[in-house]
Amino acid sequence: MNEDKILQIIPAPAHLEYVYEDGGKARHVTCLALVELSNGDREVRAMGITNSEIIEDLSGSGALLID
């Protein structure tokens, strides 16, 4: 079971975007989340709006960050 927990959310820099590996239009990263993993480690993850309605973690979706 995934026990990752979001500790803090901050707005993403205005120039940070993502695009999926198969191409398509670049989209703005909505926010950055400080996440505590189930093993106690912490990492920052990019979050973006997908399907025009849901904010999701982009790290496991095949999205590439571009600057």
Protein backbone atom coordinates (compact mmCIF):
# COMPACT_ATOMS: atom_id res chain seq x y z
CA MET A 1 0.00 0.00 0.00
CA ASN A 2 1.28 3.48 -0.93
CA GLU A 3 1.66 5.57 2.23
CA ASP A 4 3.21 8.66 0.61
CA LYS A 5 1.98 11.85 2.26
CA ILE A 6 1.98 15.40 0.92
CA LEU A 7 3.50 17.70 3.55
CA GLN A 8 3.50 21.03 1.74
CA ILE A 9 2.31 22.50 -1.57
CA ILE A 10 3.77 25.61 -3.23
CA PRO A 11 3.04 27.28 -6.58
CA ALA A 12 5.27 26.15 -9.43
CA PRO A 13 7.59 28.64 -11.14
CA ALA A 14 5.78 30.38 -14.01
CA HIS A 15 8.14 28.96 -16.67
CA LEU A 16 7.96 25.29 -15.58
CA GLU A 17 6.01 23.09 -18.01
CA TYR A 18 5.52 19.40 -18.77
CA VAL A 19 4.87 17.38 -21.89
CA TYR A 20 4.13 13.69 -22.34
CA GLU A 21 6.74 11.46 -23.99
CA ASP A 22 4.49 10.85 -27.00
CA GLY A 23 4.43 14.58 -27.78
CA GLY A 24 1.56 16.97 -27.60
CA LYS A 25 1.14 20.44 -26.22
CA ALA A 26 3.31 21.65 -23.33
CA ARG A 27 1.27 22.42 -20.21
CA HIS A 28 2.02 24.49 -17.12
CA VAL A 29 3.00 22.66 -13.92
CA THR A 30 0.34 23.68 -11.38
CA CYS A 31 2.31 23.28 -8.16
CA LEU A 32 5.20 21.52 -6.47
CA ALA A 33 4.55 19.18 -3.56
CA LEU A 34 6.94 18.16 -0.79
CA VAL A 35 6.13 14.48 -0.29
CA GLU A 36 7.18 12.19 2.54
CA LEU A 37 7.60 8.66 1.21
CA SER A 38 6.58 5.57 3.16
CA ASN A 39 10.26 4.91 4.02
CA GLY A 40 10.66 8.41 5.54
CA ASP A 41 12.56 9.98 2.62
CA ARG A 42 11.28 13.26 1.23
CA GLU A 43 11.13 14.49 -2.36
CA VAL A 44 9.63 17.31 -4.38
CA ARG A 45 7.12 16.27 -7.05
CA ALA A 46 5.58 18.27 -9.86
CA MET A 47 1.79 18.32 -9.99
CA GLY A 48 -0.29 19.19 -13.05
CA ILE A 49 -3.88 19.38 -14.20
CA THR A 50 -4.84 16.36 -16.29
CA ASN A 51 -8.06 15.74 -18.18
CA SER A 52 -8.86 19.43 -17.64
CA GLU A 53 -10.02 18.81 -14.08
CA ILE A 54 -7.79 16.69 -11.83
CA ILE A 55 -4.48 17.73 -10.23
CA GLU A 56 -2.19 14.69 -10.32
CA ASP A 57 1.39 13.76 -9.52
CA LEU A 58 3.25 13.86 -12.84
CA SER A 59 6.16 11.66 -11.72
CA GLY A 60 4.48 8.36 -12.62
CA SER A 61 2.51 9.46 -15.67
CA GLY A 62 5.22 9.54 -18.32
CA ALA A 63 5.40 13.34 -18.30
CA LEU A 64 8.71 15.12 -18.89
CA LEU A 65 9.47 18.46 -17.24
CA ILE A 66 10.71 21.20 -19.57
CA ASP A 67 12.07 24.61 -18.73
